[in-house]
Amino acid sequence: RVHMEEDTGKSLHVGGATGRIHGADYSLLDYNRAGIPLVEIVTKIVPGTGKYAPEVAKAYVAELRDILRGLKVSDVKMEQGSLRC
C-alpha cells in the first residue's frame, strides 16, 4: 500500500538520557519540513524470514532506493531526509 501524506514537522526533546519526551527538560518543535509532501509505503510481512528479517528489510529498501533513483522521482538521500525508513 502507498499513502500520500504531508510532513507536519518533528519534535526535538532536549535533556535527559534518552532524548525522548519522558525525562526531557524541554521540547522544541521543528517545522522546517512542514507542508512537504511525502509517500509512505507499507509492505506485508515476509513469512519465514525469522532472524534474517533485518537483512531482508535492508535489501528491500536498497532495491526500492535504486528504483526511485533510476526513475528520477527522488534523490533518495537518507542523510538529507528524502528517504526515511
N, C-alpha and C. Protein backbone atom coordinates (compact mmCIF):
# COMPACT_ATOMS: atom_id res chain seq x y z
N ARG A 1 0.83 -1.18 0.00
CA ARG A 1 0.00 0.00 0.00
C ARG A 1 0.88 1.24 0.00
N VAL A 2 0.39 2.26 -0.64
CA VAL A 2 1.09 3.54 -0.69
C VAL A 2 0.16 4.61 -0.13
N HIS A 3 0.67 5.40 0.78
CA HIS A 3 -0.09 6.50 1.37
C HIS A 3 0.60 7.81 0.99
N MET A 4 -0.16 8.77 0.50
CA MET A 4 0.39 10.09 0.27
C MET A 4 0.01 10.95 1.46
N GLU A 5 1.00 11.60 2.04
CA GLU A 5 0.79 12.40 3.25
C GLU A 5 1.52 13.73 3.12
N GLU A 6 1.46 14.49 4.18
CA GLU A 6 2.17 15.76 4.25
C GLU A 6 2.93 15.80 5.56
N ASP A 7 4.21 16.11 5.49
CA ASP A 7 5.03 16.17 6.69
C ASP A 7 4.53 17.31 7.58
N THR A 8 4.45 17.04 8.88
CA THR A 8 3.95 18.05 9.81
C THR A 8 5.04 18.70 10.63
N GLY A 9 6.24 18.20 10.55
CA GLY A 9 7.33 18.69 11.39
C GLY A 9 7.75 17.61 12.36
N LYS A 10 8.64 17.96 13.27
CA LYS A 10 9.09 16.96 14.24
C LYS A 10 9.37 17.61 15.58
N SER A 11 9.33 16.78 16.61
CA SER A 11 9.62 17.22 17.97
C SER A 11 11.05 16.86 18.33
N LEU A 12 11.74 17.77 18.98
CA LEU A 12 13.09 17.52 19.47
C LEU A 12 13.04 17.64 20.99
N HIS A 13 13.36 16.57 21.68
CA HIS A 13 13.31 16.55 23.14
C HIS A 13 14.72 16.73 23.69
N VAL A 14 14.91 17.76 24.47
CA VAL A 14 16.24 18.16 24.94
C VAL A 14 16.39 17.82 26.42
N GLY A 15 17.55 17.28 26.75
CA GLY A 15 17.83 16.90 28.13
C GLY A 15 17.40 15.48 28.39
N GLY A 16 17.83 14.95 29.50
CA GLY A 16 17.53 13.56 29.81
C GLY A 16 18.51 12.64 29.12
N ALA A 17 18.47 11.38 29.49
CA ALA A 17 19.45 10.42 29.00
C ALA A 17 19.10 9.85 27.63
N THR A 18 17.82 9.83 27.26
CA THR A 18 17.42 9.11 26.05
C THR A 18 17.07 9.99 24.87
N GLY A 19 16.85 11.27 25.08
CA GLY A 19 16.41 12.14 24.00
C GLY A 19 14.93 11.97 23.68
N ARG A 20 14.22 11.27 24.53
CA ARG A 20 12.78 11.06 24.35
C ARG A 20 12.01 12.01 25.26
N ILE A 21 10.71 12.10 25.04
CA ILE A 21 9.90 13.07 25.77
C ILE A 21 9.90 12.80 27.28
N HIS A 22 9.90 11.52 27.67
CA HIS A 22 9.92 11.19 29.10
C HIS A 22 11.31 11.47 29.66
N GLY A 23 11.39 12.35 30.62
CA GLY A 23 12.67 12.71 31.22
C GLY A 23 13.34 13.90 30.57
N ALA A 24 12.77 14.41 29.48
CA ALA A 24 13.37 15.57 28.82
C ALA A 24 13.12 16.83 29.64
N ASP A 25 14.06 17.76 29.57
CA ASP A 25 13.90 19.04 30.26
C ASP A 25 12.90 19.94 29.54
N TYR A 26 12.95 19.91 28.20
CA TYR A 26 12.01 20.68 27.40
C TYR A 26 12.00 20.12 25.98
N SER A 27 11.02 20.55 25.20
CA SER A 27 10.88 20.08 23.82
C SER A 27 10.85 21.27 22.88
N LEU A 28 11.41 21.06 21.70
CA LEU A 28 11.39 22.06 20.63
C LEU A 28 10.60 21.48 19.47
N LEU A 29 9.95 22.33 18.70
CA LEU A 29 9.22 21.89 17.51
C LEU A 29 9.93 22.43 16.28
N ASP A 30 10.24 21.53 15.35
CA ASP A 30 10.93 21.89 14.11
C ASP A 30 9.93 21.79 12.97
N TYR A 31 9.51 22.93 12.44
CA TYR A 31 8.56 22.96 11.33
C TYR A 31 9.26 23.14 9.99
N ASN A 32 10.55 22.88 9.92
CA ASN A 32 11.33 23.08 8.72
C ASN A 32 10.78 22.28 7.53
N ARG A 33 10.27 21.07 7.78
CA ARG A 33 9.75 20.23 6.70
C ARG A 33 8.23 20.26 6.62
N ALA A 34 7.58 21.09 7.40
CA ALA A 34 6.12 21.14 7.41
C ALA A 34 5.60 21.49 6.02
N GLY A 35 4.59 20.76 5.59
CA GLY A 35 3.99 21.00 4.28
C GLY A 35 4.65 20.26 3.14
N ILE A 36 5.76 19.59 3.41
CA ILE A 36 6.46 18.84 2.37
C ILE A 36 5.69 17.54 2.11
N PRO A 37 5.34 17.27 0.84
CA PRO A 37 4.63 16.02 0.56
C PRO A 37 5.54 14.82 0.78
N LEU A 38 4.95 13.73 1.23
CA LEU A 38 5.72 12.50 1.38
C LEU A 38 4.86 11.31 1.01
N VAL A 39 5.52 10.24 0.63
CA VAL A 39 4.86 8.99 0.28
C VAL A 39 5.30 7.94 1.29
N GLU A 40 4.33 7.28 1.88
CA GLU A 40 4.63 6.21 2.83
C GLU A 40 4.25 4.88 2.19
N ILE A 41 5.20 3.95 2.16
CA ILE A 41 4.96 2.63 1.58
C ILE A 41 4.86 1.62 2.71
N VAL A 42 3.76 0.89 2.74
CA VAL A 42 3.53 -0.12 3.77
C VAL A 42 3.55 -1.49 3.07
N THR A 43 4.39 -2.39 3.57
CA THR A 43 4.51 -3.71 2.95
C THR A 43 3.97 -4.79 3.87
N LYS A 44 3.75 -5.94 3.30
CA LYS A 44 3.35 -7.11 4.08
C LYS A 44 4.59 -7.73 4.71
N ILE A 45 4.37 -8.48 5.76
CA ILE A 45 5.45 -9.24 6.38
C ILE A 45 5.87 -10.35 5.43
N VAL A 46 7.16 -10.60 5.32
CA VAL A 46 7.65 -11.70 4.51
C VAL A 46 7.78 -12.91 5.42
N PRO A 47 6.88 -13.89 5.28
CA PRO A 47 6.92 -15.03 6.19
C PRO A 47 8.19 -15.86 6.00
N GLY A 48 8.66 -16.43 7.09
CA GLY A 48 9.81 -17.32 7.03
C GLY A 48 11.16 -16.65 7.10
N THR A 49 11.19 -15.32 7.27
CA THR A 49 12.49 -14.64 7.31
C THR A 49 13.14 -14.74 8.67
N GLY A 50 12.31 -14.83 9.72
CA GLY A 50 12.83 -15.02 11.08
C GLY A 50 13.95 -14.08 11.44
N LYS A 51 15.07 -14.64 11.83
CA LYS A 51 16.20 -13.82 12.27
C LYS A 51 16.83 -13.03 11.13
N TYR A 52 16.48 -13.35 9.88
CA TYR A 52 17.03 -12.63 8.73
C TYR A 52 16.18 -11.44 8.31
N ALA A 53 15.11 -11.17 9.06
CA ALA A 53 14.21 -10.07 8.71
C ALA A 53 14.93 -8.73 8.54
N PRO A 54 15.90 -8.36 9.40
CA PRO A 54 16.61 -7.09 9.18
C PRO A 54 17.36 -7.05 7.85
N GLU A 55 17.97 -8.16 7.47
CA GLU A 55 18.70 -8.20 6.20
C GLU A 55 17.74 -8.13 5.01
N VAL A 56 16.59 -8.79 5.14
CA VAL A 56 15.57 -8.74 4.08
C VAL A 56 15.05 -7.32 3.94
N ALA A 57 14.78 -6.65 5.06
CA ALA A 57 14.31 -5.27 5.02
C ALA A 57 15.36 -4.35 4.40
N LYS A 58 16.62 -4.56 4.75
CA LYS A 58 17.71 -3.74 4.18
C LYS A 58 17.78 -3.92 2.67
N ALA A 59 17.67 -5.17 2.20
CA ALA A 59 17.71 -5.43 0.76
C ALA A 59 16.51 -4.81 0.06
N TYR A 60 15.34 -4.86 0.70
CA TYR A 60 14.13 -4.27 0.13
C TYR A 60 14.30 -2.76 -0.04
N VAL A 61 14.78 -2.11 1.00
CA VAL A 61 14.96 -0.65 0.94
C VAL A 61 16.02 -0.28 -0.09
N ALA A 62 17.09 -1.07 -0.18
CA ALA A 62 18.14 -0.80 -1.17
C ALA A 62 17.58 -0.92 -2.59
N GLU A 63 16.77 -1.94 -2.83
CA GLU A 63 16.16 -2.12 -4.15
C GLU A 63 15.19 -0.99 -4.46
N LEU A 64 14.38 -0.62 -3.49
CA LEU A 64 13.44 0.48 -3.66
C LEU A 64 14.19 1.78 -3.94
N ARG A 65 15.28 2.01 -3.21
CA ARG A 65 16.11 3.20 -3.43
C ARG A 65 16.62 3.24 -4.87
N ASP A 66 17.12 2.11 -5.35
CA ASP A 66 17.65 2.06 -6.71
C ASP A 66 16.57 2.32 -7.75
N ILE A 67 15.37 1.80 -7.52
CA ILE A 67 14.26 2.03 -8.45
C ILE A 67 13.87 3.50 -8.46
N LEU A 68 13.71 4.10 -7.28
CA LEU A 68 13.33 5.52 -7.20
C LEU A 68 14.38 6.42 -7.82
N ARG A 69 15.64 6.09 -7.61
CA ARG A 69 16.73 6.87 -8.20
C ARG A 69 16.74 6.70 -9.72
N GLY A 70 16.55 5.46 -10.18
CA GLY A 70 16.53 5.18 -11.62
C GLY A 70 15.40 5.89 -12.34
N LEU A 71 14.25 5.98 -11.70
CA LEU A 71 13.10 6.67 -12.28
C LEU A 71 13.20 8.19 -12.15
N LYS A 72 14.20 8.64 -11.39
CA LYS A 72 14.44 10.07 -11.15
C LYS A 72 13.24 10.76 -10.50
N VAL A 73 12.59 10.05 -9.57
CA VAL A 73 11.49 10.65 -8.82
C VAL A 73 11.96 11.15 -7.46
N SER A 74 13.18 10.78 -7.06
CA SER A 74 13.74 11.22 -5.79
C SER A 74 15.24 11.03 -5.84
N ASP A 75 15.96 11.85 -5.08
CA ASP A 75 17.41 11.63 -4.96
C ASP A 75 17.71 10.61 -3.86
N VAL A 76 16.70 10.23 -3.10
CA VAL A 76 16.74 9.20 -2.05
C VAL A 76 18.00 9.25 -1.18
N LYS A 77 18.27 10.42 -0.65
CA LYS A 77 19.43 10.60 0.25
C LYS A 77 18.94 10.58 1.69
N MET A 78 19.24 9.48 2.39
CA MET A 78 18.78 9.35 3.78
C MET A 78 19.33 10.46 4.66
N GLU A 79 20.57 10.86 4.43
CA GLU A 79 21.18 11.88 5.27
C GLU A 79 20.50 13.24 5.14
N GLN A 80 19.76 13.44 4.04
CA GLN A 80 19.04 14.69 3.84
C GLN A 80 17.54 14.53 4.11
N GLY A 81 17.13 13.32 4.45
CA GLY A 81 15.74 13.08 4.80
C GLY A 81 14.81 12.78 3.64
N SER A 82 15.36 12.61 2.42
CA SER A 82 14.47 12.32 1.29
C SER A 82 14.14 10.84 1.19
N LEU A 83 14.73 10.01 2.04
CA LEU A 83 14.34 8.62 2.22
C LEU A 83 14.46 8.31 3.69
N ARG A 84 13.36 7.92 4.28
CA ARG A 84 13.36 7.56 5.71
C ARG A 84 12.74 6.19 5.86
N CYS A 85 13.29 5.41 6.76
CA CYS A 85 12.72 4.08 6.99
C CYS A 85 12.92 3.67 8.44
